[in-house]
Each structure stands twice: as C-alpha cells, then as structure tokens.
C-alpha atoms as a PDB file:
ATOM      1  CA  MET A   1      -5.140 -78.009 -61.655  1.00  0.00           C
ATOM      2  CA  THR A   2      -2.465 -80.580 -60.809  1.00  0.00           C
ATOM      3  CA  PRO A   3       0.168 -79.173 -58.388  1.00  0.00           C
ATOM      4  CA  GLU A   4       3.605 -78.630 -59.894  1.00  0.00           C
ATOM      5  CA  PRO A   5       5.728 -81.772 -59.342  1.00  0.00           C
ATOM      6  CA  PHE A   6       9.152 -81.791 -57.721  1.00  0.00           C
ATOM      7  CA  SER A   7      12.304 -83.897 -57.653  1.00  0.00           C
ATOM      8  CA  LEU A   8      14.411 -84.961 -54.670  1.00  0.00           C
ATOM      9  CA  LEU A   9      18.199 -84.723 -55.079  1.00  0.00           C
ATOM     10  CA  MET A  10      20.444 -86.839 -52.858  1.00  0.00           C
ATOM     11  CA  THR A  11      24.140 -87.701 -53.246  1.00  0.00           C
ATOM     12  CA  VAL A  12      26.030 -90.605 -51.684  1.00  0.00           C
ATOM     13  CA  TYR A  13      29.773 -91.271 -51.532  1.00  0.00           C
ATOM     14  CA  GLY A  14      32.061 -93.964 -50.130  1.00  0.00           C
ATOM     15  CA  GLY A  15      32.275 -92.405 -46.677  1.00  0.00           C
ATOM     16  CA  ASP A  16      28.538 -92.614 -45.997  1.00  0.00           C
ATOM     17  CA  HIS A  17      27.155 -95.249 -43.621  1.00  0.00           C
ATOM     18  CA  GLU A  18      24.695 -97.713 -45.089  1.00  0.00           C
ATOM     19  CA  GLU A  19      22.106 -97.372 -42.301  1.00  0.00           C
ATOM     20  CA  HIS A  20      22.300 -93.567 -42.388  1.00  0.00           C
ATOM     21  CA  VAL A  21      21.635 -93.568 -46.134  1.00  0.00           C
ATOM     22  CA  ARG A  22      18.667 -95.885 -45.641  1.00  0.00           C
ATOM     23  CA  ASP A  23      17.169 -93.683 -42.911  1.00  0.00           C
ATOM     24  CA  ALA A  24      17.716 -90.496 -44.916  1.00  0.00           C
ATOM     25  CA  PHE A  25      16.108 -91.929 -48.055  1.00  0.00           C
ATOM     26  CA  HIS A  26      13.111 -93.371 -46.228  1.00  0.00           C
ATOM     27  CA  SER A  27      12.509 -90.138 -44.294  1.00  0.00           C
ATOM     28  CA  ALA A  28      12.579 -88.044 -47.493  1.00  0.00           C
ATOM     29  CA  VAL A  29      10.536 -90.401 -49.670  1.00  0.00           C
ATOM     30  CA  HIS A  30       8.515 -93.097 -47.887  1.00  0.00           C
ATOM     31  CA  ASP A  31       7.617 -91.097 -44.772  1.00  0.00           C
ATOM     32  CA  GLN A  32       6.720 -87.724 -46.301  1.00  0.00           C
ATOM     33  CA  THR A  33       3.149 -86.433 -46.181  1.00  0.00           C
ATOM     34  CA  LEU A  34       3.972 -84.848 -49.567  1.00  0.00           C
ATOM     35  CA  ARG A  35       6.161 -87.277 -51.462  1.00  0.00           C
ATOM     36  CA  PRO A  36       8.514 -86.210 -54.257  1.00  0.00           C
ATOM     37  CA  ASP A  37       7.399 -87.119 -57.763  1.00  0.00           C
ATOM     38  CA  HIS A  38      10.894 -88.145 -58.823  1.00  0.00           C
ATOM     39  CA  VAL A  39      14.178 -88.922 -57.068  1.00  0.00           C
ATOM     40  CA  VAL A  40      17.706 -88.342 -58.343  1.00  0.00           C
ATOM     41  CA  LEU A  41      20.202 -90.473 -56.431  1.00  0.00           C
ATOM     42  CA  VAL A  42      23.849 -89.718 -57.282  1.00  0.00           C
ATOM     43  CA  ARG A  43      26.612 -92.164 -56.393  1.00  0.00           C
ATOM     44  CA  ASP A  44      29.704 -89.970 -56.214  1.00  0.00           C
ATOM     45  CA  GLY A  45      32.474 -92.467 -56.989  1.00  0.00           C
ATOM     46  CA  PRO A  46      33.084 -96.030 -55.787  1.00  0.00           C
ATOM     47  CA  VAL A  47      31.337 -97.308 -52.652  1.00  0.00           C
ATOM     48  CA  SER A  48      31.574-100.484 -50.591  1.00  0.00           C
ATOM     49  CA  ALA A  49      29.729-103.639 -51.642  1.00  0.00           C
ATOM     50  CA  GLU A  50      27.391-103.225 -48.662  1.00  0.00           C
ATOM     51  CA  LEU A  51      26.499 -99.649 -49.554  1.00  0.00           C
ATOM     52  CA  ALA A  52      26.123-100.550 -53.248  1.00  0.00           C
ATOM     53  CA  GLY A  53      23.652-103.271 -52.259  1.00  0.00           C
ATOM     54  CA  ARG A  54      21.738-100.828 -50.087  1.00  0.00           C
ATOM     55  CA  LEU A  55      21.501 -98.322 -52.951  1.00  0.00           C
ATOM     56  CA  ARG A  56      20.111-101.009 -55.270  1.00  0.00           C
ATOM     57  CA  ALA A  57      17.533-101.952 -52.642  1.00  0.00           C
ATOM     58  CA  LEU A  58      16.492 -98.332 -52.175  1.00  0.00           C
ATOM     59  CA  VAL A  59      16.051 -97.818 -55.921  1.00  0.00           C
ATOM     60  CA  GLU A  60      14.084-101.050 -56.339  1.00  0.00           C
ATOM     61  CA  GLY A  61      11.899-100.470 -53.286  1.00  0.00           C
ATOM     62  CA  SER A  62      11.173 -96.786 -53.837  1.00  0.00           C
ATOM     63  CA  PRO A  63       7.485 -95.837 -54.105  1.00  0.00           C
ATOM     64  CA  VAL A  64       8.430 -93.176 -56.674  1.00  0.00           C
ATOM     65  CA  GLU A  65      10.656 -93.346 -59.755  1.00  0.00           C
ATOM     66  CA  VAL A  66      14.401 -93.034 -59.125  1.00  0.00           C
ATOM     67  CA  THR A  67      17.064 -91.907 -61.591  1.00  0.00           C
ATOM     68  CA  PHE A  68      20.348 -93.441 -60.416  1.00  0.00           C
ATOM     69  CA  VAL A  69      23.400 -91.434 -61.544  1.00  0.00           C
ATOM     70  CA  GLU A  70      26.703 -93.277 -61.166  1.00  0.00           C
ATOM     71  CA  LEU A  71      29.936 -91.260 -61.280  1.00  0.00           C
ATOM     72  CA  ASP A  72      33.054 -93.369 -61.840  1.00  0.00           C
ATOM     73  CA  GLN A  73      35.244 -91.127 -59.676  1.00  0.00           C
ATOM     74  CA  ASN A  74      34.566 -89.137 -56.539  1.00  0.00           C
ATOM     75  CA  ARG A  75      34.174 -85.572 -57.822  1.00  0.00           C
ATOM     76  CA  GLY A  76      33.102 -83.857 -54.625  1.00  0.00           C
ATOM     77  CA  LEU A  77      29.747 -82.507 -53.512  1.00  0.00           C
ATOM     78  CA  GLY A  78      29.456 -79.556 -55.896  1.00  0.00           C
ATOM     79  CA  PRO A  79      30.092 -81.433 -59.160  1.00  0.00           C
ATOM     80  CA  ALA A  80      27.982 -84.377 -57.931  1.00  0.00           C
ATOM     81  CA  LEU A  81      25.053 -82.065 -57.248  1.00  0.00           C
ATOM     82  CA  ASP A  82      25.456 -80.419 -60.667  1.00  0.00           C
ATOM     83  CA  ALA A  83      25.302 -83.887 -62.227  1.00  0.00           C
ATOM     84  CA  GLY A  84      22.158 -84.590 -60.222  1.00  0.00           C
ATOM     85  CA  LEU A  85      20.557 -81.313 -61.271  1.00  0.00           C
ATOM     86  CA  HIS A  86      21.216 -82.246 -64.888  1.00  0.00           C
ATOM     87  CA  ALA A  87      19.160 -85.417 -64.337  1.00  0.00           C
ATOM     88  CA  ALA A  88      16.360 -83.733 -62.363  1.00  0.00           C
ATOM     89  CA  ARG A  89      13.061 -84.135 -64.191  1.00  0.00           C
ATOM     90  CA  HIS A  90      11.280 -81.168 -62.579  1.00  0.00           C
ATOM     91  CA  ASP A  91      12.146 -77.518 -62.012  1.00  0.00           C
ATOM     92  CA  ILE A  92      11.434 -77.695 -58.275  1.00  0.00           C
ATOM     93  CA  VAL A  93      14.222 -79.625 -56.576  1.00  0.00           C
ATOM     94  CA  ALA A  94      14.520 -80.535 -52.893  1.00  0.00           C
ATOM     95  CA  ARG A  95      17.925 -81.297 -51.381  1.00  0.00           C
ATOM     96  CA  MET A  96      18.583 -84.088 -48.896  1.00  0.00           C
ATOM     97  CA  ASP A  97      21.850 -85.179 -47.295  1.00  0.00           C
ATOM     98  CA  ALA A  98      22.609 -88.879 -47.008  1.00  0.00           C
ATOM     99  CA  ASP A  99      23.040 -88.890 -43.229  1.00  0.00           C
ATOM    100  CA  ASP A 100      20.201 -86.631 -42.068  1.00  0.00           C
ATOM    101  CA  VAL A 101      16.542 -87.296 -41.304  1.00  0.00           C
ATOM    102  CA  ALA A 102      13.709 -85.227 -42.789  1.00  0.00           C
ATOM    103  CA  MET A 103      10.657 -84.541 -40.665  1.00  0.00           C
ATOM    104  CA  PRO A 104       7.513 -86.039 -42.269  1.00  0.00           C
ATOM    105  CA  HIS A 105       5.907 -82.654 -42.984  1.00  0.00           C
ATOM    106  CA  ARG A 106       9.033 -81.025 -44.457  1.00  0.00           C
ATOM    107  CA  PHE A 107       7.982 -80.940 -48.108  1.00  0.00           C
ATOM    108  CA  GLN A 108       4.355 -80.234 -47.214  1.00  0.00           C
ATOM    109  CA  ILE A 109       5.569 -76.914 -45.791  1.00  0.00           C
ATOM    110  CA  GLN A 110       8.404 -75.950 -48.150  1.00  0.00           C
ATOM    111  CA  VAL A 111       7.326 -77.025 -51.632  1.00  0.00           C
ATOM    112  CA  PRO A 112       4.135 -74.873 -51.722  1.00  0.00           C
ATOM    113  CA  LEU A 113       6.302 -71.799 -51.033  1.00  0.00           C
ATOM    114  CA  VAL A 114       8.276 -72.498 -54.205  1.00  0.00           C
ATOM    115  CA  ARG A 115       5.097 -73.209 -56.143  1.00  0.00           C
ATOM    116  CA  GLU A 116       3.811 -69.819 -54.997  1.00  0.00           C
ATOM    117  CA  GLY A 117       6.833 -67.901 -56.309  1.00  0.00           C
ATOM    118  CA  ALA A 118       9.944 -68.389 -54.173  1.00  0.00           C
ATOM    119  CA  ASP A 119      13.169 -69.483 -55.866  1.00  0.00           C
ATOM    120  CA  LEU A 120      15.018 -70.688 -52.770  1.00  0.00           C
ATOM    121  CA  VAL A 121      13.435 -71.892 -49.529  1.00  0.00           C
ATOM    122  CA  GLY A 122      15.401 -73.068 -46.496  1.00  0.00           C
ATOM    123  CA  ALA A 123      14.387 -74.086 -42.997  1.00  0.00           C
ATOM    124  CA  GLY A 124      15.631 -74.545 -39.474  1.00  0.00           C
ATOM    125  CA  LEU A 125      17.189 -77.787 -38.320  1.00  0.00           C
ATOM    126  CA  LEU A 126      17.839 -79.736 -35.136  1.00  0.00           C
ATOM    127  CA  GLU A 127      21.316 -81.144 -34.544  1.00  0.00           C
ATOM    128  CA  PHE A 128      21.393 -84.687 -33.144  1.00  0.00           C
ATOM    129  CA  GLY A 129      23.996 -87.171 -31.975  1.00  0.00           C
ATOM    130  CA  GLU A 130      23.322 -90.894 -31.725  1.00  0.00           C
ATOM    131  CA  ASP A 131      19.685 -90.735 -32.873  1.00  0.00           C
ATOM    132  CA  ILE A 132      16.986 -88.105 -33.366  1.00  0.00           C
ATOM    133  CA  SER A 133      15.975 -88.330 -29.714  1.00  0.00           C
ATOM    134  CA  ASP A 134      19.460 -87.043 -28.839  1.00  0.00           C
ATOM    135  CA  VAL A 135      19.010 -83.390 -29.867  1.00  0.00           C
ATOM    136  CA  VAL A 136      22.106 -81.357 -29.001  1.00  0.00           C
ATOM    137  CA  GLY A 137      21.406 -78.032 -30.724  1.00  0.00           C
ATOM    138  CA  GLN A 138      19.417 -76.158 -33.317  1.00  0.00           C
ATOM    139  CA  ARG A 139      19.992 -73.696 -36.152  1.00  0.00           C
ATOM    140  CA  ILE A 140      17.264 -71.158 -36.843  1.00  0.00           C
ATOM    141  CA  PRO A 141      17.969 -69.099 -39.987  1.00  0.00           C
ATOM    142  CA  PRO A 142      16.834 -65.511 -40.647  1.00  0.00           C
ATOM    143  CA  SER A 143      13.437 -65.638 -42.341  1.00  0.00           C
ATOM    144  CA  ASP A 144      12.989 -62.138 -43.787  1.00  0.00           C
ATOM    145  CA  PRO A 145      14.413 -61.705 -47.335  1.00  0.00           C
ATOM    146  CA  ALA A 146      16.187 -58.448 -46.355  1.00  0.00           C
ATOM    147  CA  ASP A 147      17.804 -60.160 -43.369  1.00  0.00           C
ATOM    148  CA  ILE A 148      18.809 -63.102 -45.565  1.00  0.00           C
ATOM    149  CA  ALA A 149      20.487 -60.788 -48.081  1.00  0.00           C
ATOM    150  CA  ARG A 150      22.241 -58.763 -45.384  1.00  0.00           C
ATOM    151  CA  TYR A 151      23.449 -61.812 -43.465  1.00  0.00           C
ATOM    152  CA  SER A 152      24.732 -63.450 -46.656  1.00  0.00           C
ATOM    153  CA  ARG A 153      27.621 -60.985 -46.797  1.00  0.00           C
ATOM    154  CA  LEU A 154      29.078 -62.550 -43.648  1.00  0.00           C
ATOM    155  CA  HIS A 155      27.652 -66.051 -43.394  1.00  0.00           C
ATOM    156  CA  ASP A 156      25.657 -68.624 -45.332  1.00  0.00           C
ATOM    157  CA  PRO A 157      22.009 -67.661 -44.617  1.00  0.00           C
ATOM    158  CA  PHE A 158      20.665 -71.128 -45.510  1.00  0.00           C
ATOM    159  CA  ASN A 159      21.043 -74.539 -43.952  1.00  0.00           C
ATOM    160  CA  HIS A 160      22.015 -76.409 -47.105  1.00  0.00           C
ATOM    161  CA  PRO A 161      20.529 -79.792 -46.078  1.00  0.00           C
ATOM    162  CA  THR A 162      17.106 -78.130 -45.798  1.00  0.00           C
ATOM    163  CA  VAL A 163      16.784 -76.228 -49.069  1.00  0.00           C
ATOM    164  CA  VAL A 164      14.210 -76.524 -51.841  1.00  0.00           C
ATOM    165  CA  TYR A 165      14.838 -74.415 -54.941  1.00  0.00           C
ATOM    166  CA  ARG A 166      14.064 -73.726 -58.558  1.00  0.00           C
ATOM    167  CA  ARG A 167      16.473 -75.619 -60.750  1.00  0.00           C
ATOM    168  CA  SER A 168      16.261 -72.810 -63.293  1.00  0.00           C
ATOM    169  CA  ALA A 169      17.357 -70.254 -60.659  1.00  0.00           C
ATOM    170  CA  VAL A 170      20.313 -72.447 -59.689  1.00  0.00           C
ATOM    171  CA  VAL A 171      21.378 -72.835 -63.329  1.00  0.00           C
ATOM    172  CA  ALA A 172      20.950 -69.095 -63.942  1.00  0.00           C
ATOM    173  CA  ALA A 173      23.428 -68.472 -61.109  1.00  0.00           C
ATOM    174  CA  GLY A 174      25.946 -70.901 -62.603  1.00  0.00           C
ATOM    175  CA  GLY A 175      25.259 -74.091 -60.677  1.00  0.00           C
ATOM    176  CA  TYR A 176      27.217 -75.315 -57.673  1.00  0.00           C
ATOM    177  CA  GLY A 177      30.626 -75.433 -59.299  1.00  0.00           C
ATOM    178  CA  ASP A 178      33.711 -76.855 -57.598  1.00  0.00           C
ATOM    179  CA  LEU A 179      34.512 -74.897 -54.447  1.00  0.00           C
ATOM    180  CA  PRO A 180      35.045 -77.668 -51.886  1.00  0.00           C
ATOM    181  CA  LEU A 181      33.299 -77.181 -48.542  1.00  0.00           C
ATOM    182  CA  MET A 182      31.875 -73.806 -49.633  1.00  0.00           C
ATOM    183  CA  GLU A 183      29.933 -74.680 -52.785  1.00  0.00           C
ATOM    184  CA  ASP A 184      26.523 -74.102 -51.229  1.00  0.00           C
ATOM    185  CA  TYR A 185      27.339 -70.682 -49.734  1.00  0.00           C
ATOM    186  CA  TRP A 186      28.829 -69.461 -53.008  1.00  0.00           C
ATOM    187  CA  LEU A 187      25.808 -70.723 -54.960  1.00  0.00           C
ATOM    188  CA  PHE A 188      23.317 -69.043 -52.625  1.00  0.00           C
ATOM    189  CA  ALA A 189      25.284 -65.771 -52.707  1.00  0.00           C
ATOM    190  CA  ARG A 190      25.151 -65.786 -56.507  1.00  0.00           C
ATOM    191  CA  MET A 191      21.452 -66.619 -56.485  1.00  0.00           C
ATOM    192  CA  ILE A 192      20.782 -63.670 -54.168  1.00  0.00           C
ATOM    193  CA  ALA A 193      22.911 -61.431 -56.387  1.00  0.00           C
ATOM    194  CA  ASN A 194      20.888 -62.645 -59.391  1.00  0.00           C
ATOM    195  CA  GLY A 195      17.659 -61.510 -57.738  1.00  0.00           C
ATOM    196  CA  ALA A 196      16.372 -64.899 -56.582  1.00  0.00           C
ATOM    197  CA  ARG A 197      13.324 -64.682 -54.317  1.00  0.00           C
ATOM    198  CA  THR A 198      14.395 -66.184 -51.007  1.00  0.00           C
ATOM    199  CA  VAL A 199      12.729 -67.170 -47.766  1.00  0.00           C
ATOM    200  CA  ASN A 200      13.520 -69.334 -44.763  1.00  0.00           C
ATOM    201  CA  VAL A 201      11.017 -71.286 -42.702  1.00  0.00           C
ATOM    202  CA  PRO A 202      12.322 -70.690 -39.164  1.00  0.00           C
ATOM    203  CA  GLN A 203      10.888 -73.881 -37.717  1.00  0.00           C
ATOM    204  CA  PRO A 204      13.143 -76.964 -37.850  1.00  0.00           C
ATOM    205  CA  LEU A 205      12.225 -79.413 -40.605  1.00  0.00           C
ATOM    206  CA  VAL A 206      15.359 -81.581 -40.701  1.00  0.00           C
ATOM    207  CA  PHE A 207      17.329 -83.536 -38.112  1.00  0.00           C
ATOM    208  CA  TYR A 208      21.021 -82.873 -38.863  1.00  0.00           C
ATOM    209  CA  ARG A 209      23.584 -85.439 -37.754  1.00  0.00           C
ATOM    210  CA  VAL A 210      26.529 -83.972 -35.817  1.00  0.00           C
ATOM    211  CA  GLY A 211      28.374 -87.077 -34.703  1.00  0.00           C
ATOM    212  CA  ASP A 212      32.013 -87.264 -33.724  1.00  0.00           C
ATOM    213  CA  GLY A 213      34.155 -84.816 -35.662  1.00  0.00           C
ATOM    214  CA  ALA A 214      31.364 -82.516 -36.884  1.00  0.00           C
ATOM    215  CA  TYR A 215      32.870 -79.382 -35.360  1.00  0.00           C
ATOM    216  CA  GLU A 216      36.436 -80.485 -36.114  1.00  0.00           C
ATOM    217  CA  ARG A 217      35.473 -80.536 -39.805  1.00  0.00           C
ATOM    218  CA  ARG A 218      34.467 -76.864 -39.626  1.00  0.00           C
ATOM    219  CA  GLY A 219      38.106 -75.946 -39.056  1.00  0.00           C
ATOM    220  CA  GLY A 220      41.568 -76.722 -40.386  1.00  0.00           C
ATOM    221  CA  ARG A 221      43.807 -75.545 -43.198  1.00  0.00           C
ATOM    222  CA  ASP A 222      41.815 -77.120 -46.037  1.00  0.00           C
ATOM    223  CA  LEU A 223      38.671 -75.308 -44.988  1.00  0.00           C
ATOM    224  CA  LEU A 224      40.652 -72.100 -44.466  1.00  0.00           C
ATOM    225  CA  ARG A 225      41.926 -72.311 -48.051  1.00  0.00           C
ATOM    226  CA  SER A 226      38.377 -72.760 -49.343  1.00  0.00           C
ATOM    227  CA  GLU A 227      37.241 -69.903 -47.117  1.00  0.00           C
ATOM    228  CA  LEU A 228      39.841 -67.526 -48.550  1.00  0.00           C
ATOM    229  CA  ARG A 229      38.987 -68.601 -52.088  1.00  0.00           C
ATOM    230  CA  LEU A 230      35.305 -67.945 -51.402  1.00  0.00           C
ATOM    231  CA  GLN A 231      35.980 -64.477 -50.026  1.00  0.00           C
ATOM    232  CA  ARG A 232      38.129 -63.594 -53.053  1.00  0.00           C
ATOM    233  CA  GLN A 233      35.350 -64.759 -55.365  1.00  0.00           C
ATOM    234  CA  MET A 234      32.710 -62.715 -53.549  1.00  0.00           C
ATOM    235  CA  LEU A 235      34.942 -59.621 -53.628  1.00  0.00           C
ATOM    236  CA  ARG A 236      35.770 -60.113 -57.306  1.00  0.00           C
ATOM    237  CA  GLU A 237      32.100 -60.449 -58.225  1.00  0.00           C
ATOM    238  CA  GLY A 238      31.144 -57.340 -56.239  1.00  0.00           C
ATOM    239  CA  PHE A 239      29.007 -59.233 -53.726  1.00  0.00           C
ATOM    240  CA  ILE A 240      31.024 -57.841 -50.800  1.00  0.00           C
ATOM    241  CA  SER A 241      33.054 -54.671 -50.426  1.00  0.00           C
ATOM    242  CA  GLN A 242      36.744 -54.408 -49.561  1.00  0.00           C
ATOM    243  CA  PRO A 243      36.034 -53.668 -45.863  1.00  0.00           C
ATOM    244  CA  GLN A 244      33.595 -56.588 -45.724  1.00  0.00           C
ATOM    245  CA  TYR A 245      36.224 -58.809 -47.323  1.00  0.00           C
ATOM    246  CA  TRP A 246      38.795 -58.026 -44.631  1.00  0.00           C
ATOM    247  CA  ARG A 247      36.191 -58.391 -41.890  1.00  0.00           C
ATOM    248  CA  ASN A 248      35.221 -61.819 -43.228  1.00  0.00           C
ATOM    249  CA  VAL A 249      38.842 -62.946 -43.567  1.00  0.00           C
ATOM    250  CA  MET A 250      39.536 -61.966 -39.963  1.00  0.00           C
ATOM    251  CA  VAL A 251      36.309 -63.327 -38.451  1.00  0.00           C
ATOM    252  CA  ARG A 252      35.626 -66.375 -40.605  1.00  0.00           C
ATOM    253  CA  GLY A 253      39.277 -67.199 -41.238  1.00  0.00           C
ATOM    254  CA  GLY A 254      40.068 -66.947 -37.541  1.00  0.00           C
ATOM    255  CA  TYR A 255      37.108 -69.187 -36.763  1.00  0.00           C
ATOM    256  CA  ARG A 256      38.659 -71.926 -38.924  1.00  0.00           C
ATOM    257  CA  LEU A 257      41.909 -71.859 -36.935  1.00  0.00           C
ATOM    258  CA  VAL A 258      40.723 -71.732 -33.315  1.00  0.00           C
ATOM    259  CA  PRO A 259      40.580 -74.993 -31.301  1.00  0.00           C
ATOM    260  CA  THR A 260      37.382 -77.026 -31.522  1.00  0.00           C
ATOM    261  CA  ALA A 261      36.715 -76.399 -27.835  1.00  0.00           C
ATOM    262  CA  ILE A 262      36.272 -72.710 -28.711  1.00  0.00           C
ATOM    263  CA  ARG A 263      34.668 -73.209 -32.134  1.00  0.00           C
ATOM    264  CA  ARG A 264      31.788 -75.353 -30.861  1.00  0.00           C
ATOM    265  CA  PRO A 265      30.341 -72.934 -28.229  1.00  0.00           C
ATOM    266  CA  PHE A 266      30.979 -69.922 -30.471  1.00  0.00           C
ATOM    267  CA  TYR A 267      29.029 -71.496 -33.328  1.00  0.00           C
ATOM    268  CA  ARG A 268      26.108 -72.551 -31.167  1.00  0.00           C
ATOM    269  CA  ARG A 269      25.812 -69.284 -29.239  1.00  0.00           C
ATOM    270  CA  VAL A 270      26.519 -66.797 -32.031  1.00  0.00           C
ATOM    271  CA  VAL A 271      26.143 -68.281 -35.517  1.00  0.00           C
ATOM    272  CA  ALA A 272      23.394 -70.883 -35.029  1.00  0.00           C
ATOM    273  CA  SER A 273      21.254 -68.526 -32.966  1.00  0.00           C
ATOM    274  CA  TYR A 274      21.516 -65.449 -35.211  1.00  0.00           C
ATOM    275  CA  GLY A 275      18.335 -66.173 -37.149  1.00  0.00           C
ATOM    276  CA  ALA A 276      16.282 -66.691 -33.992  1.00  0.00           C
ATOM    277  CA  ARG A 277      17.525 -63.383 -32.544  1.00  0.00           C
ATOM    278  CA  ARG A 278      16.879 -61.498 -35.786  1.00  0.00           C
ATOM    279  CA  ASN A 279      13.442 -63.053 -36.251  1.00  0.00           C
ATOM    280  CA  ARG A 280      12.446 -62.009 -32.712  1.00  0.00           C
ATOM    281  CA  SER A 281      13.659 -58.493 -33.447  1.00  0.00           C
ATOM    282  CA  ARG A 282      11.584 -58.412 -36.627  1.00  0.00           C
ATOM    283  CA  HIS A 283       8.497 -59.531 -34.725  1.00  0.00           C
ATOM    284  CA  ARG A 284       8.978 -56.735 -32.170  1.00  0.00           C
ATOM    285  CA  GLU A 285       9.386 -54.167 -34.964  1.00  0.00           C
ATOM    286  CA  ASP A 286       6.220 -55.409 -36.642  1.00  0.00           C
ATOM    287  CA  ALA A 287       4.316 -55.306 -33.348  1.00  0.00           C
ATOM    288  CA  ARG A 288       5.345 -51.666 -32.840  1.00  0.00           C
ATOM    289  CA  GLY A 289       4.388 -50.831 -36.407  1.00  0.00           C
ATOM    290  CA  GLY A 290       7.914 -49.780 -37.315  1.00  0.00           C
ATOM    291  CA  ALA A 291       8.827 -48.989 -40.892  1.00  0.00           C
ATOM    292  CA  ALA A 292      10.130 -51.928 -42.815  1.00  0.00           C
ATOM    293  CA  GLU A 293      13.798 -51.853 -43.781  1.00  0.00           C
ATOM    294  CA  PRO A 294      14.438 -51.488 -47.510  1.00  0.00           C
ATOM    295  CA  PRO A 295      15.592 -54.679 -49.196  1.00  0.00           C
ATOM    296  CA  VAL A 296      19.307 -55.101 -49.736  1.00  0.00           C
ATOM    297  CA  ARG A 297      20.138 -55.345 -53.414  1.00  0.00           C
ATOM    298  CA  PHE A 298      23.349 -56.499 -55.028  1.00  0.00           C
ATOM    299  CA  VAL A 299      24.373 -55.862 -58.623  1.00  0.00           C
ATOM    300  CA  PRO A 300      26.694 -58.711 -59.629  1.00  0.00           C
ATOM    301  CA  ARG A 301      29.481 -58.199 -62.095  1.00  0.00           C
ATOM    302  CA  GLN A 302      29.400 -60.322 -65.219  1.00  0.00           C
ATOM    303  CA  ARG A 303      30.079 -63.909 -64.216  1.00  0.00           C
ATOM    304  CA  ALA A 304      33.517 -65.108 -65.229  1.00  0.00           C
ATOM    305  CA  HIS A 305      35.162 -68.494 -65.404  1.00  0.00           C
ATOM    306  CA  THR A 306      37.081 -69.611 -62.350  1.00  0.00           C
ATOM    307  CA  ALA A 307      40.854 -69.431 -62.329  1.00  0.00           C
ATOM    308  CA  ASP A 308      41.218 -73.039 -63.487  1.00  0.00           C
ATOM    309  CA  GLY A 309      38.866 -72.482 -66.433  1.00  0.00           C
ATOM    310  CA  TYR A 310      35.981 -74.487 -64.969  1.00  0.00           C
ATOM    311  CA  ASP A 311      32.569 -73.141 -65.868  1.00  0.00           C
ATOM    312  CA  PRO A 312      30.080 -74.415 -63.256  1.00  0.00           C
ATOM    313  CA  ALA A 313      27.163 -73.979 -65.632  1.00  0.00           C
ATOM    314  CA  ALA A 314      28.703 -76.082 -68.387  1.00  0.00           C
ATOM    315  CA  GLY A 315      26.466 -78.991 -69.305  1.00  0.00           C
ATOM    316  CA  LEU A 316      23.470 -77.678 -67.370  1.00  0.00           C
ATOM    317  CA  ASP A 317      20.481 -76.911 -69.532  1.00  0.00           C
ATOM    318  CA  PRO A 318      18.144 -74.104 -68.472  1.00  0.00           C
ATOM    319  CA  ALA A 319      15.169 -76.477 -68.614  1.00  0.00           C
ATOM    320  CA  PRO A 320      15.004 -79.892 -66.971  1.00  0.00           C
ATOM    321  CA  PRO A 321      14.956 -82.989 -69.201  1.00  0.00           C
ATOM    322  CA  GLN A 322      11.578 -84.342 -70.115  1.00  0.00           C
ATOM    323  CA  PRO A 323      10.665 -87.992 -69.489  1.00  0.00           C
ATOM    324  CA  GLU A 324      10.642 -90.322 -72.433  1.00  0.00           C
ATOM    325  CA  HIS A 325       7.228 -91.562 -73.528  1.00  0.00           C
END
C-alpha cells in the first residue's frame, strides 16, 4: 500500500530575508529523507524584487510540485496559513517557517506518527544565532498527551514551527483565525478541546532562528493585548476556569511587560525546559511502575464567531482539494 502523502505549508512576507527563505525551503524539501509530496508556498503581501525572484527560483527548481498562493495584501500569519490550508492537496500538512532550518530526518520521524493516528505532532527545537552551528538554547516540549493537555491551560504545548497535523482536525477546530501573535496557541487549544490526538517528539527536529530582537518580540503592549484577548477567548470557550484565567493574566501578562534582560533567562530556565523536566518525571514514574495519570479532558462550549464577526473556518472545506487530471 502506498503511504499517505503529505503537503508542506510555508508562508513568506516582506520582512523575510531572501537567504533565510532559500535555506528553509531547501532544508524542508530538497534535503529531507522523506520529502513532501506537495508544497504550498504562500506569499503574504508584497515582497521585494529580490525576494520575489528567489520565490520564483524556488518554485521552478523544486523537486516536488509547488502551489504558489499570492495574497495582494499582508494579512498576517493566521489568515495566510488558512489560505495555505485551503490550497493544501493532502490531509497531512507539515508546517515550516521561512527563517528556520529543518533537520533532514524531521518528516521521516513525524509524518508516520500522523499516518498511524495522531492529529497533531510537534517536536523539540534548537535555537540558533548566526548559523546552525551557533546553538544558544533548546525547547523540549512535554511528550505525554495528558501533560500536553494540562500544560495547554497555561502555555502553548507545541513549538509551532515543528508541527505536522491533520488538515481536517485543524478545520474542525475552526482554522487559525486572526489572533495576531497567538494564532497557533489558540488553534492548538481548540484542537485539544475538540479531542484531537496529540503527541510531541521530545528530540529536536528543527533549528529555530533567534537572531537580534527575538526575545524583545515576546514582550510589549501589542503582544500583551493579544495575550489578554487569548485568555478571554479561552475563558469564554470554557477551556480554562476563572482562577486559571487570573493566574494566566498575572503570569503571562506580567511576562510580556518585564524587561528583556529578565524575560530571556526566565523563558530559557522555566518555559523552554518544562517539557524536559516533565518528561524525566514521567520516565521515573514509569520505571517505578506508578499508576498513570488520567487524561485531562475539556468539553468546549459551542464555537462562536469572534467579536468582529470573523469566522476562522469560513472558506475552509473539510476535505482538501483534489488535483486536476
């Protein structure tokens, strides 16, 4: 039987560097031991002439078919990804950021997990500076589904640049929508609430670029506003309780306002290392033969439109488009 095919989804906007886009595309397509069967490349608004030329070269030189989606205006990551999902030819979709580098065996490890029944599969990542030899940190996510569900009430349990998922599970949860800077966390929370089968591969499979300004971008008033909007949405949908809401506002909201000199070490020592600590604890429990913790279940309220009337699932079909013959 032929293995189920999968699509790669990558978005590019005017702020991306040409050489970073080239390296990201080549690492996720040309260099993979398990190549995608189809690529969706979304241009989110106008780009420079140099970057436009690079995108044309990538499409023309790709060893697999590329669907090039051109958006006239910059809509932001969430709407751009929803547009890309609409063009995805296969139900299994792998995400890739335009400035990261995928390890050659990434899809060889993750895609079979989705083929075997998972709806959402993430992985660890290594943070790098100038190039991938300059590793400055790592993020190891919780791997057990119960830990993922529990952690999701406080923090995003997936490294978004590493995920592979079922398009149908994403659409069933309403798509990414338009929640700037928090669209991935809100999507994954809704997928968990919908009963999606989740797992994280703890080993790093992606090199994540954290150049100048990476930790500065995790703070500020714009991100705080998105943070508060996210917490209100999760409370409204019943994903978190009132006490959890206030805890998150204090902890996560405060994190957005502290100086970068404090934010950086806090993130690396507490947030980025949580999964590794929890995974070690799980291994010790298993070694002692301890009873497994019951899974954490959430019963979402009926999904409503956002305050501005935008329905994130609008225009997304439950089944991917079929190629023309």
